[in-house]
Amino acid sequence: MHTAYVTVTIVAAVVIFGTTVVDIVAPEWVRGNMRSYGVPDRALMPLAAIKAAGALGLLAGLVFPAVGLAAAVGLVLYFVGAVITIVRARWYAHLPYPMPCLVLASAAACLIALA
């Protein structure tokens, strides 16, 4: 169980950091997608900061499990919000993009809670 917990947590943190970097670089396709969902450009950096904090919290959770659990739950809520935003905008073809992060954050939350 401990190996699965550590592995999933590290993979989740790396993947979420990767998506954070894309948000910080903010290529036109990201800004265009966000606009089509009704999210203003000015929201991109705060959203990236939230994801970065969550990924750091996951890693901190390897030492302080309560912090990791809080970060994982926060990330689950973040990505559920992303799915809701995409559904409300009716861009159903874009639903697969937040799903891997949602699954990883959910798995990390479950494994942290069980550890």
PDB file of N, CA and C in Angstrom:
ATOM      1  N   MET A   1       0.821  -1.191   0.000  1.00  0.00           N
ATOM      2  CA  MET A   1       0.000   0.000   0.000  1.00  0.00           C
ATOM      3  C   MET A   1       0.862   1.250   0.000  1.00  0.00           C
ATOM      4  N   HIS A   2       1.918   1.235   0.787  1.00  0.00           N
ATOM      5  CA  HIS A   2       2.779   2.407   0.865  1.00  0.00           C
ATOM      6  C   HIS A   2       3.418   2.716  -0.491  1.00  0.00           C
ATOM      7  N   THR A   3       3.834   1.684  -1.220  1.00  0.00           N
ATOM      8  CA  THR A   3       4.441   1.894  -2.538  1.00  0.00           C
ATOM      9  C   THR A   3       3.436   2.508  -3.501  1.00  0.00           C
ATOM     10  N   ALA A   4       2.208   2.007  -3.489  1.00  0.00           N
ATOM     11  CA  ALA A   4       1.169   2.564  -4.363  1.00  0.00           C
ATOM     12  C   ALA A   4       0.891   4.018  -3.999  1.00  0.00           C
ATOM     13  N   TYR A   5       0.806   4.294  -2.712  1.00  0.00           N
ATOM     14  CA  TYR A   5       0.542   5.658  -2.241  1.00  0.00           C
ATOM     15  C   TYR A   5       1.631   6.620  -2.707  1.00  0.00           C
ATOM     16  N   VAL A   6       2.882   6.237  -2.513  1.00  0.00           N
ATOM     17  CA  VAL A   6       4.001   7.100  -2.906  1.00  0.00           C
ATOM     18  C   VAL A   6       4.032   7.272  -4.421  1.00  0.00           C
ATOM     19  N   THR A   7       3.858   6.179  -5.154  1.00  0.00           N
ATOM     20  CA  THR A   7       3.916   6.235  -6.620  1.00  0.00           C
ATOM     21  C   THR A   7       2.802   7.109  -7.187  1.00  0.00           C
ATOM     22  N   VAL A   8       1.579   6.867  -6.764  1.00  0.00           N
ATOM     23  CA  VAL A   8       0.441   7.642  -7.283  1.00  0.00           C
ATOM     24  C   VAL A   8       0.577   9.114  -6.906  1.00  0.00           C
ATOM     25  N   THR A   9       1.027   9.386  -5.701  1.00  0.00           N
ATOM     26  CA  THR A   9       1.185  10.772  -5.260  1.00  0.00           C
ATOM     27  C   THR A   9       2.232  11.499  -6.094  1.00  0.00           C
ATOM     28  N   ILE A  10       3.359  10.857  -6.340  1.00  0.00           N
ATOM     29  CA  ILE A  10       4.413  11.494  -7.138  1.00  0.00           C
ATOM     30  C   ILE A  10       3.960  11.678  -8.580  1.00  0.00           C
ATOM     31  N   VAL A  11       3.326  10.659  -9.158  1.00  0.00           N
ATOM     32  CA  VAL A  11       2.837  10.783 -10.541  1.00  0.00           C
ATOM     33  C   VAL A  11       1.798  11.901 -10.630  1.00  0.00           C
ATOM     34  N   ALA A  12       0.878  11.953  -9.675  1.00  0.00           N
ATOM     35  CA  ALA A  12      -0.143  13.009  -9.681  1.00  0.00           C
ATOM     36  C   ALA A  12       0.501  14.383  -9.592  1.00  0.00           C
ATOM     37  N   ALA A  13       1.474  14.539  -8.707  1.00  0.00           N
ATOM     38  CA  ALA A  13       2.141  15.838  -8.554  1.00  0.00           C
ATOM     39  C   ALA A  13       2.860  16.241  -9.832  1.00  0.00           C
ATOM     40  N   VAL A  14       3.550  15.304 -10.471  1.00  0.00           N
ATOM     41  CA  VAL A  14       4.286  15.613 -11.706  1.00  0.00           C
ATOM     42  C   VAL A  14       3.320  15.997 -12.827  1.00  0.00           C
ATOM     43  N   VAL A  15       2.247  15.236 -12.988  1.00  0.00           N
ATOM     44  CA  VAL A  15       1.274  15.531 -14.050  1.00  0.00           C
ATOM     45  C   VAL A  15       0.618  16.888 -13.804  1.00  0.00           C
ATOM     46  N   ILE A  16       0.245  17.161 -12.571  1.00  0.00           N
ATOM     47  CA  ILE A  16      -0.418  18.429 -12.267  1.00  0.00           C
ATOM     48  C   ILE A  16       0.551  19.598 -12.408  1.00  0.00           C
ATOM     49  N   PHE A  17       1.813  19.403 -12.031  1.00  0.00           N
ATOM     50  CA  PHE A  17       2.816  20.446 -12.291  1.00  0.00           C
ATOM     51  C   PHE A  17       2.944  20.693 -13.794  1.00  0.00           C
ATOM     52  N   GLY A  18       2.897  19.632 -14.586  1.00  0.00           N
ATOM     53  CA  GLY A  18       2.974  19.787 -16.041  1.00  0.00           C
ATOM     54  C   GLY A  18       1.837  20.630 -16.582  1.00  0.00           C
ATOM     55  N   THR A  19       0.631  20.382 -16.093  1.00  0.00           N
ATOM     56  CA  THR A  19      -0.500  21.193 -16.556  1.00  0.00           C
ATOM     57  C   THR A  19      -0.387  22.629 -16.056  1.00  0.00           C
ATOM     58  N   THR A  20       0.238  22.795 -14.898  1.00  0.00           N
ATOM     59  CA  THR A  20       0.454  24.143 -14.363  1.00  0.00           C
ATOM     60  C   THR A  20       1.409  24.932 -15.251  1.00  0.00           C
ATOM     61  N   VAL A  21       2.465  24.277 -15.711  1.00  0.00           N
ATOM     62  CA  VAL A  21       3.429  24.942 -16.601  1.00  0.00           C
ATOM     63  C   VAL A  21       2.733  25.392 -17.879  1.00  0.00           C
ATOM     64  N   VAL A  22       1.862  24.540 -18.421  1.00  0.00           N
ATOM     65  CA  VAL A  22       1.125  24.921 -19.636  1.00  0.00           C
ATOM     66  C   VAL A  22       0.268  26.151 -19.356  1.00  0.00           C
ATOM     67  N   ASP A  23      -0.366  26.194 -18.195  1.00  0.00           N
ATOM     68  CA  ASP A  23      -1.185  27.365 -17.849  1.00  0.00           C
ATOM     69  C   ASP A  23      -0.337  28.623 -17.682  1.00  0.00           C
ATOM     70  N   ILE A  24       0.857  28.479 -17.119  1.00  0.00           N
ATOM     71  CA  ILE A  24       1.726  29.643 -16.923  1.00  0.00           C
ATOM     72  C   ILE A  24       2.244  30.160 -18.258  1.00  0.00           C
ATOM     73  N   VAL A  25       2.650  29.246 -19.141  1.00  0.00           N
ATOM     74  CA  VAL A  25       3.117  29.642 -20.476  1.00  0.00           C
ATOM     75  C   VAL A  25       1.959  30.241 -21.272  1.00  0.00           C
ATOM     76  N   ALA A  26       0.766  29.720 -21.056  1.00  0.00           N
ATOM     77  CA  ALA A  26      -0.485  30.221 -21.638  1.00  0.00           C
ATOM     78  C   ALA A  26      -0.428  30.403 -23.148  1.00  0.00           C
ATOM     79  N   PRO A  27      -0.221  29.311 -23.896  1.00  0.00           N
ATOM     80  CA  PRO A  27      -0.287  29.439 -25.352  1.00  0.00           C
ATOM     81  C   PRO A  27      -1.701  29.850 -25.782  1.00  0.00           C
ATOM     82  N   GLU A  28      -1.805  30.315 -26.988  1.00  0.00           N
ATOM     83  CA  GLU A  28      -3.084  30.828 -27.477  1.00  0.00           C
ATOM     84  C   GLU A  28      -4.192  29.777 -27.400  1.00  0.00           C
ATOM     85  N   TRP A  29      -3.872  28.511 -27.682  1.00  0.00           N
ATOM     86  CA  TRP A  29      -4.919  27.486 -27.647  1.00  0.00           C
ATOM     87  C   TRP A  29      -5.491  27.324 -26.236  1.00  0.00           C
ATOM     88  N   VAL A  30      -4.670  27.498 -25.211  1.00  0.00           N
ATOM     89  CA  VAL A  30      -5.172  27.418 -23.832  1.00  0.00           C
ATOM     90  C   VAL A  30      -6.061  28.619 -23.543  1.00  0.00           C
ATOM     91  N   ARG A  31      -5.584  29.811 -23.882  1.00  0.00           N
ATOM     92  CA  ARG A  31      -6.386  31.011 -23.638  1.00  0.00           C
ATOM     93  C   ARG A  31      -7.696  30.957 -24.418  1.00  0.00           C
ATOM     94  N   GLY A  32      -7.633  30.474 -25.661  1.00  0.00           N
ATOM     95  CA  GLY A  32      -8.844  30.354 -26.473  1.00  0.00           C
ATOM     96  C   GLY A  32      -9.848  29.375 -25.876  1.00  0.00           C
ATOM     97  N   ASN A  33      -9.344  28.233 -25.413  1.00  0.00           N
ATOM     98  CA  ASN A  33     -10.238  27.264 -24.776  1.00  0.00           C
ATOM     99  C   ASN A  33     -10.877  27.849 -23.522  1.00  0.00           C
ATOM    100  N   MET A  34     -10.074  28.501 -22.705  1.00  0.00           N
ATOM    101  CA  MET A  34     -10.610  29.078 -21.474  1.00  0.00           C
ATOM    102  C   MET A  34     -11.679  30.127 -21.784  1.00  0.00           C
ATOM    103  N   ARG A  35     -11.420  30.948 -22.794  1.00  0.00           N
ATOM    104  CA  ARG A  35     -12.420  31.952 -23.190  1.00  0.00           C
ATOM    105  C   ARG A  35     -13.704  31.268 -23.648  1.00  0.00           C
ATOM    106  N   SER A  36     -13.567  30.174 -24.408  1.00  0.00           N
ATOM    107  CA  SER A  36     -14.759  29.482 -24.904  1.00  0.00           C
ATOM    108  C   SER A  36     -15.559  28.848 -23.763  1.00  0.00           C
ATOM    109  N   TYR A  37     -14.912  28.586 -22.638  1.00  0.00           N
ATOM    110  CA  TYR A  37     -15.620  28.069 -21.463  1.00  0.00           C
ATOM    111  C   TYR A  37     -16.218  29.201 -20.630  1.00  0.00           C
ATOM    112  N   GLY A  38     -15.893  30.438 -20.982  1.00  0.00           N
ATOM    113  CA  GLY A  38     -16.378  31.580 -20.220  1.00  0.00           C
ATOM    114  C   GLY A  38     -15.452  32.006 -19.093  1.00  0.00           C
ATOM    115  N   VAL A  39     -14.202  31.531 -19.135  1.00  0.00           N
ATOM    116  CA  VAL A  39     -13.218  31.880 -18.104  1.00  0.00           C
ATOM    117  C   VAL A  39     -12.342  33.002 -18.654  1.00  0.00           C
ATOM    118  N   PRO A  40     -12.262  34.143 -17.975  1.00  0.00           N
ATOM    119  CA  PRO A  40     -11.458  35.256 -18.488  1.00  0.00           C
ATOM    120  C   PRO A  40      -9.959  34.959 -18.410  1.00  0.00           C
ATOM    121  N   ASP A  41      -9.189  35.615 -19.265  1.00  0.00           N
ATOM    122  CA  ASP A  41      -7.731  35.424 -19.292  1.00  0.00           C
ATOM    123  C   ASP A  41      -7.090  35.715 -17.941  1.00  0.00           C
ATOM    124  N   ARG A  42      -7.610  36.685 -17.223  1.00  0.00           N
ATOM    125  CA  ARG A  42      -6.998  37.072 -15.949  1.00  0.00           C
ATOM    126  C   ARG A  42      -7.108  35.968 -14.892  1.00  0.00           C
ATOM    127  N   ALA A  43      -7.964  34.984 -15.112  1.00  0.00           N
ATOM    128  CA  ALA A  43      -8.134  33.896 -14.145  1.00  0.00           C
ATOM    129  C   ALA A  43      -7.103  32.787 -14.323  1.00  0.00           C
ATOM    130  N   LEU A  44      -6.367  32.802 -15.422  1.00  0.00           N
ATOM    131  CA  LEU A  44      -5.455  31.696 -15.723  1.00  0.00           C
ATOM    132  C   LEU A  44      -4.331  31.572 -14.700  1.00  0.00           C
ATOM    133  N   MET A  45      -3.700  32.666 -14.327  1.00  0.00           N
ATOM    134  CA  MET A  45      -2.592  32.594 -13.362  1.00  0.00           C
ATOM    135  C   MET A  45      -3.056  32.179 -11.963  1.00  0.00           C
ATOM    136  N   PRO A  46      -4.156  32.731 -11.442  1.00  0.00           N
ATOM    137  CA  PRO A  46      -4.621  32.237 -10.138  1.00  0.00           C
ATOM    138  C   PRO A  46      -4.981  30.747 -10.161  1.00  0.00           C
ATOM    139  N   LEU A  47      -5.574  30.291 -11.263  1.00  0.00           N
ATOM    140  CA  LEU A  47      -5.888  28.868 -11.375  1.00  0.00           C
ATOM    141  C   LEU A  47      -4.616  28.028 -11.419  1.00  0.00           C
ATOM    142  N   ALA A  48      -3.597  28.522 -12.113  1.00  0.00           N
ATOM    143  CA  ALA A  48      -2.309  27.816 -12.153  1.00  0.00           C
ATOM    144  C   ALA A  48      -1.683  27.777 -10.760  1.00  0.00           C
ATOM    145  N   ALA A  49      -1.805  28.863 -10.018  1.00  0.00           N
ATOM    146  CA  ALA A  49      -1.247  28.905  -8.659  1.00  0.00           C
ATOM    147  C   ALA A  49      -1.949  27.902  -7.745  1.00  0.00           C
ATOM    148  N   ILE A  50      -3.253  27.760  -7.915  1.00  0.00           N
ATOM    149  CA  ILE A  50      -4.001  26.785  -7.111  1.00  0.00           C
ATOM    150  C   ILE A  50      -3.519  25.369  -7.420  1.00  0.00           C
ATOM    151  N   LYS A  51      -3.343  25.072  -8.712  1.00  0.00           N
ATOM    152  CA  LYS A  51      -2.853  23.735  -9.081  1.00  0.00           C
ATOM    153  C   LYS A  51      -1.445  23.501  -8.560  1.00  0.00           C
ATOM    154  N   ALA A  52      -0.585  24.504  -8.657  1.00  0.00           N
ATOM    155  CA  ALA A  52       0.790  24.357  -8.163  1.00  0.00           C
ATOM    156  C   ALA A  52       0.792  24.114  -6.657  1.00  0.00           C
ATOM    157  N   ALA A  53      -0.035  24.852  -5.930  1.00  0.00           N
ATOM    158  CA  ALA A  53      -0.122  24.655  -4.479  1.00  0.00           C
ATOM    159  C   ALA A  53      -0.623  23.251  -4.152  1.00  0.00           C
ATOM    160  N   GLY A  54      -1.577  22.774  -4.925  1.00  0.00           N
ATOM    161  CA  GLY A  54      -2.083  21.423  -4.708  1.00  0.00           C
ATOM    162  C   GLY A  54      -1.030  20.366  -4.968  1.00  0.00           C
ATOM    163  N   ALA A  55      -0.263  20.544  -6.043  1.00  0.00           N
ATOM    164  CA  ALA A  55       0.798  19.583  -6.355  1.00  0.00           C
ATOM    165  C   ALA A  55       1.880  19.598  -5.280  1.00  0.00           C
ATOM    166  N   LEU A  56       2.244  20.785  -4.820  1.00  0.00           N
ATOM    167  CA  LEU A  56       3.213  20.881  -3.718  1.00  0.00           C
ATOM    168  C   LEU A  56       2.659  20.243  -2.446  1.00  0.00           C
ATOM    169  N   GLY A  57       1.379  20.438  -2.210  1.00  0.00           N
ATOM    170  CA  GLY A  57       0.739  19.830  -1.048  1.00  0.00           C
ATOM    171  C   GLY A  57       0.746  18.313  -1.113  1.00  0.00           C
ATOM    172  N   LEU A  58       0.562  17.768  -2.319  1.00  0.00           N
ATOM    173  CA  LEU A  58       0.647  16.312  -2.470  1.00  0.00           C
ATOM    174  C   LEU A  58       2.025  15.813  -2.070  1.00  0.00           C
ATOM    175  N   LEU A  59       3.051  16.513  -2.537  1.00  0.00           N
ATOM    176  CA  LEU A  59       4.417  16.101  -2.195  1.00  0.00           C
ATOM    177  C   LEU A  59       4.687  16.278  -0.702  1.00  0.00           C
ATOM    178  N   ALA A  60       4.193  17.359  -0.128  1.00  0.00           N
ATOM    179  CA  ALA A  60       4.355  17.565   1.318  1.00  0.00           C
ATOM    180  C   ALA A  60       3.636  16.471   2.099  1.00  0.00           C
ATOM    181  N   GLY A  61       2.582  15.932   1.498  1.00  0.00           N
ATOM    182  CA  GLY A  61       1.829  14.865   2.136  1.00  0.00           C
ATOM    183  C   GLY A  61       2.607  13.581   2.315  1.00  0.00           C
ATOM    184  N   LEU A  62       3.705  13.444   1.592  1.00  0.00           N
ATOM    185  CA  LEU A  62       4.550  12.270   1.798  1.00  0.00           C
ATOM    186  C   LEU A  62       5.190  12.304   3.183  1.00  0.00           C
ATOM    187  N   VAL A  63       5.346  13.506   3.730  1.00  0.00           N
ATOM    188  CA  VAL A  63       5.909  13.673   5.076  1.00  0.00           C
ATOM    189  C   VAL A  63       4.801  13.972   6.090  1.00  0.00           C
ATOM    190  N   PHE A  64       3.839  14.797   5.691  1.00  0.00           N
ATOM    191  CA  PHE A  64       2.730  15.200   6.556  1.00  0.00           C
ATOM    192  C   PHE A  64       1.418  14.754   5.905  1.00  0.00           C
ATOM    193  N   PRO A  65       0.935  13.558   6.204  1.00  0.00           N
ATOM    194  CA  PRO A  65      -0.236  13.008   5.513  1.00  0.00           C
ATOM    195  C   PRO A  65      -1.475  13.904   5.532  1.00  0.00           C
ATOM    196  N   ALA A  66      -1.699  14.644   6.596  1.00  0.00           N
ATOM    197  CA  ALA A  66      -2.881  15.512   6.652  1.00  0.00           C
ATOM    198  C   ALA A  66      -2.815  16.599   5.578  1.00  0.00           C
ATOM    199  N   VAL A  67      -1.624  17.117   5.334  1.00  0.00           N
ATOM    200  CA  VAL A  67      -1.441  18.130   4.284  1.00  0.00           C
ATOM    201  C   VAL A  67      -1.714  17.500   2.918  1.00  0.00           C
ATOM    202  N   GLY A  68      -1.213  16.296   2.712  1.00  0.00           N
ATOM    203  CA  GLY A  68      -1.439  15.603   1.445  1.00  0.00           C
ATOM    204  C   GLY A  68      -2.908  15.322   1.199  1.00  0.00           C
ATOM    205  N   LEU A  69      -3.617  14.918   2.241  1.00  0.00           N
ATOM    206  CA  LEU A  69      -5.046  14.652   2.095  1.00  0.00           C
ATOM    207  C   LEU A  69      -5.804  15.934   1.765  1.00  0.00           C
ATOM    208  N   ALA A  70      -5.474  17.015   2.453  1.00  0.00           N
ATOM    209  CA  ALA A  70      -6.122  18.301   2.169  1.00  0.00           C
ATOM    210  C   ALA A  70      -5.836  18.747   0.736  1.00  0.00           C
ATOM    211  N   ALA A  71      -4.595  18.578   0.294  1.00  0.00           N
ATOM    212  CA  ALA A  71      -4.232  18.960  -1.074  1.00  0.00           C
ATOM    213  C   ALA A  71      -4.963  18.093  -2.090  1.00  0.00           C
ATOM    214  N   ALA A  72      -5.024  16.792  -1.838  1.00  0.00           N
ATOM    215  CA  ALA A  72      -5.695  15.887  -2.773  1.00  0.00           C
ATOM    216  C   ALA A  72      -7.179  16.209  -2.873  1.00  0.00           C
ATOM    217  N   VAL A  73      -7.821  16.458  -1.747  1.00  0.00           N
ATOM    218  CA  VAL A  73      -9.243  16.813  -1.764  1.00  0.00           C
ATOM    219  C   VAL A  73      -9.441  18.146  -2.486  1.00  0.00           C
ATOM    220  N   GLY A  74      -8.560  19.100  -2.229  1.00  0.00           N
ATOM    221  CA  GLY A  74      -8.639  20.378  -2.937  1.00  0.00           C
ATOM    222  C   GLY A  74      -8.489  20.217  -4.439  1.00  0.00           C
ATOM    223  N   LEU A  75      -7.569  19.363  -4.855  1.00  0.00           N
ATOM    224  CA  LEU A  75      -7.378  19.123  -6.290  1.00  0.00           C
ATOM    225  C   LEU A  75      -8.576  18.399  -6.902  1.00  0.00           C
ATOM    226  N   VAL A  76      -9.156  17.467  -6.171  1.00  0.00           N
ATOM    227  CA  VAL A  76     -10.367  16.801  -6.670  1.00  0.00           C
ATOM    228  C   VAL A  76     -11.455  17.844  -6.899  1.00  0.00           C
ATOM    229  N   LEU A  77     -11.653  18.731  -5.938  1.00  0.00           N
ATOM    230  CA  LEU A  77     -12.665  19.783  -6.094  1.00  0.00           C
ATOM    231  C   LEU A  77     -12.329  20.707  -7.260  1.00  0.00           C
ATOM    232  N   TYR A  78     -11.048  21.035  -7.412  1.00  0.00           N
ATOM    233  CA  TYR A  78     -10.606  21.890  -8.520  1.00  0.00           C
ATOM    234  C   TYR A  78     -10.976  21.248  -9.858  1.00  0.00           C
ATOM    235  N   PHE A  79     -10.638  19.968 -10.025  1.00  0.00           N
ATOM    236  CA  PHE A  79     -10.882  19.322 -11.315  1.00  0.00           C
ATOM    237  C   PHE A  79     -12.356  18.976 -11.528  1.00  0.00           C
ATOM    238  N   VAL A  80     -13.116  18.765 -10.468  1.00  0.00           N
ATOM    239  CA  VAL A  80     -14.568  18.640 -10.619  1.00  0.00           C
ATOM    240  C   VAL A  80     -15.124  19.971 -11.122  1.00  0.00           C
ATOM    241  N   GLY A  81     -14.604  21.070 -10.586  1.00  0.00           N
ATOM    242  CA  GLY A  81     -14.999  22.390 -11.078  1.00  0.00           C
ATOM    243  C   GLY A  81     -14.642  22.589 -12.538  1.00  0.00           C
ATOM    244  N   ALA A  82     -13.485  22.069 -12.945  1.00  0.00           N
ATOM    245  CA  ALA A  82     -13.088  22.169 -14.357  1.00  0.00           C
ATOM    246  C   ALA A  82     -14.059  21.395 -15.242  1.00  0.00           C
ATOM    247  N   VAL A  83     -14.443  20.204 -14.804  1.00  0.00           N
ATOM    248  CA  VAL A  83     -15.400  19.401 -15.575  1.00  0.00           C
ATOM    249  C   VAL A  83     -16.738  20.125 -15.658  1.00  0.00           C
ATOM    250  N   ILE A  84     -17.201  20.671 -14.558  1.00  0.00           N
ATOM    251  CA  ILE A  84     -18.474  21.404 -14.554  1.00  0.00           C
ATOM    252  C   ILE A  84     -18.407  22.606 -15.491  1.00  0.00           C
ATOM    253  N   THR A  85     -17.286  23.320 -15.473  1.00  0.00           N
ATOM    254  CA  THR A  85     -17.118  24.483 -16.349  1.00  0.00           C
ATOM    255  C   THR A  85     -17.193  24.073 -17.816  1.00  0.00           C
ATOM    256  N   ILE A  86     -16.546  22.977 -18.166  1.00  0.00           N
ATOM    257  CA  ILE A  86     -16.555  22.500 -19.553  1.00  0.00           C
ATOM    258  C   ILE A  86     -17.955  22.042 -19.953  1.00  0.00           C
ATOM    259  N   VAL A  87     -18.640  21.345 -19.065  1.00  0.00           N
ATOM    260  CA  VAL A  87     -20.000  20.875 -19.364  1.00  0.00           C
ATOM    261  C   VAL A  87     -20.948  22.059 -19.522  1.00  0.00           C
ATOM    262  N   ARG A  88     -20.839  23.050 -18.644  1.00  0.00           N
ATOM    263  CA  ARG A  88     -21.711  24.226 -18.752  1.00  0.00           C
ATOM    264  C   ARG A  88     -21.494  24.963 -20.068  1.00  0.00           C
ATOM    265  N   ALA A  89     -20.254  24.942 -20.566  1.00  0.00           N
ATOM    266  CA  ALA A  89     -19.955  25.603 -21.839  1.00  0.00           C
ATOM    267  C   ALA A  89     -20.325  24.728 -23.034  1.00  0.00           C
ATOM    268  N   ARG A  90     -20.729  23.490 -22.765  1.00  0.00           N
ATOM    269  CA  ARG A  90     -21.117  22.518 -23.799  1.00  0.00           C
ATOM    270  C   ARG A  90     -19.972  22.158 -24.742  1.00  0.00           C
ATOM    271  N   TRP A  91     -18.769  22.079 -24.213  1.00  0.00           N
ATOM    272  CA  TRP A  91     -17.597  21.643 -24.979  1.00  0.00           C
ATOM    273  C   TRP A  91     -17.264  20.211 -24.566  1.00  0.00           C
ATOM    274  N   TYR A  92     -18.202  19.309 -24.793  1.00  0.00           N
ATOM    275  CA  TYR A  92     -18.080  17.931 -24.322  1.00  0.00           C
ATOM    276  C   TYR A  92     -16.842  17.221 -24.861  1.00  0.00           C
ATOM    277  N   ALA A  93     -16.385  17.603 -26.030  1.00  0.00           N
ATOM    278  CA  ALA A  93     -15.184  16.978 -26.603  1.00  0.00           C
ATOM    279  C   ALA A  93     -13.938  17.291 -25.781  1.00  0.00           C
ATOM    280  N   HIS A  94     -13.992  18.326 -24.942  1.00  0.00           N
ATOM    281  CA  HIS A  94     -12.836  18.700 -24.118  1.00  0.00           C
ATOM    282  C   HIS A  94     -12.846  18.024 -22.747  1.00  0.00           C
ATOM    283  N   LEU A  95     -13.865  17.244 -22.448  1.00  0.00           N
ATOM    284  CA  LEU A  95     -13.945  16.584 -21.143  1.00  0.00           C
ATOM    285  C   LEU A  95     -12.771  15.653 -20.844  1.00  0.00           C
ATOM    286  N   PRO A  96     -12.188  14.976 -21.830  1.00  0.00           N
ATOM    287  CA  PRO A  96     -11.061  14.090 -21.496  1.00  0.00           C
ATOM    288  C   PRO A  96      -9.825  14.814 -20.964  1.00  0.00           C
ATOM    289  N   TYR A  97      -9.712  16.105 -21.137  1.00  0.00           N
ATOM    290  CA  TYR A  97      -8.494  16.797 -20.717  1.00  0.00           C
ATOM    291  C   TYR A  97      -8.337  16.908 -19.197  1.00  0.00           C
ATOM    292  N   PRO A  98      -9.359  17.286 -18.428  1.00  0.00           N
ATOM    293  CA  PRO A  98      -9.144  17.329 -16.972  1.00  0.00           C
ATOM    294  C   PRO A  98      -9.277  15.967 -16.294  1.00  0.00           C
ATOM    295  N   MET A  99      -9.801  14.974 -17.004  1.00  0.00           N
ATOM    296  CA  MET A  99     -10.083  13.681 -16.377  1.00  0.00           C
ATOM    297  C   MET A  99      -8.858  12.960 -15.811  1.00  0.00           C
ATOM    298  N   PRO A 100      -7.724  12.900 -16.522  1.00  0.00           N
ATOM    299  CA  PRO A 100      -6.576  12.201 -15.919  1.00  0.00           C
ATOM    300  C   PRO A 100      -6.135  12.831 -14.601  1.00  0.00           C
ATOM    301  N   CYS A 101      -6.156  14.147 -14.533  1.00  0.00           N
ATOM    302  CA  CYS A 101      -5.780  14.820 -13.280  1.00  0.00           C
ATOM    303  C   CYS A 101      -6.810  14.543 -12.193  1.00  0.00           C
ATOM    304  N   LEU A 102      -8.077  14.518 -12.559  1.00  0.00           N
ATOM    305  CA  LEU A 102      -9.129  14.213 -11.590  1.00  0.00           C
ATOM    306  C   LEU A 102      -8.967  12.795 -11.053  1.00  0.00           C
ATOM    307  N   VAL A 103      -8.693  11.851 -11.938  1.00  0.00           N
ATOM    308  CA  VAL A 103      -8.507  10.457 -11.514  1.00  0.00           C
ATOM    309  C   VAL A 103      -7.281  10.328 -10.613  1.00  0.00           C
ATOM    310  N   LEU A 104      -6.180  10.968 -10.998  1.00  0.00           N
ATOM    311  CA  LEU A 104      -4.963  10.891 -10.179  1.00  0.00           C
ATOM    312  C   LEU A 104      -5.160  11.536  -8.809  1.00  0.00           C
ATOM    313  N   ALA A 105      -5.795  12.691  -8.775  1.00  0.00           N
ATOM    314  CA  ALA A 105      -6.040  13.356  -7.491  1.00  0.00           C
ATOM    315  C   ALA A 105      -6.981  12.522  -6.622  1.00  0.00           C
ATOM    316  N   SER A 106      -7.993  11.912  -7.242  1.00  0.00           N
ATOM    317  CA  SER A 106      -8.909  11.049  -6.495  1.00  0.00           C
ATOM    318  C   SER A 106      -8.192   9.826  -5.948  1.00  0.00           C
ATOM    319  N   ALA A 107      -7.356   9.220  -6.780  1.00  0.00           N
ATOM    320  CA  ALA A 107      -6.597   8.049  -6.333  1.00  0.00           C
ATOM    321  C   ALA A 107      -5.657   8.417  -5.192  1.00  0.00           C
ATOM    322  N   ALA A 108      -5.004   9.560  -5.314  1.00  0.00           N
ATOM    323  CA  ALA A 108      -4.107  10.006  -4.243  1.00  0.00           C
ATOM    324  C   ALA A 108      -4.892  10.230  -2.953  1.00  0.00           C
ATOM    325  N   ALA A 109      -6.062  10.850  -3.052  1.00  0.00           N
ATOM    326  CA  ALA A 109      -6.880  11.090  -1.855  1.00  0.00           C
ATOM    327  C   ALA A 109      -7.276   9.771  -1.197  1.00  0.00           C
ATOM    328  N   CYS A 110      -7.694   8.813  -2.002  1.00  0.00           N
ATOM    329  CA  CYS A 110      -8.088   7.509  -1.451  1.00  0.00           C
ATOM    330  C   CYS A 110      -6.910   6.802  -0.793  1.00  0.00           C
ATOM    331  N   LEU A 111      -5.777   6.800  -1.469  1.00  0.00           N
ATOM    332  CA  LEU A 111      -4.608   6.104  -0.922  1.00  0.00           C
ATOM    333  C   LEU A 111      -4.067   6.790   0.330  1.00  0.00           C
ATOM    334  N   ILE A 112      -4.131   8.121   0.360  1.00  0.00           N
ATOM    335  CA  ILE A 112      -3.684   8.840   1.559  1.00  0.00           C
ATOM    336  C   ILE A 112      -4.619   8.510   2.725  1.00  0.00           C
ATOM    337  N   ALA A 113      -5.920   8.486   2.442  1.00  0.00           N
ATOM    338  CA  ALA A 113      -6.890   8.199   3.503  1.00  0.00           C
ATOM    339  C   ALA A 113      -6.727   6.777   4.041  1.00  0.00           C
ATOM    340  N   LEU A 114      -6.333   5.855   3.176  1.00  0.00           N
ATOM    341  CA  LEU A 114      -6.171   4.460   3.594  1.00  0.00           C
ATOM    342  C   LEU A 114      -4.809   4.161   4.204  1.00  0.00           C
ATOM    343  N   ALA A 115      -3.839   5.051   3.986  1.00  0.00           N
ATOM    344  CA  ALA A 115      -2.470   4.779   4.468  1.00  0.00           C
ATOM    345  C   ALA A 115      -2.359   4.914   5.970  1.00  0.00           C
TER     346      ALA A 115
END
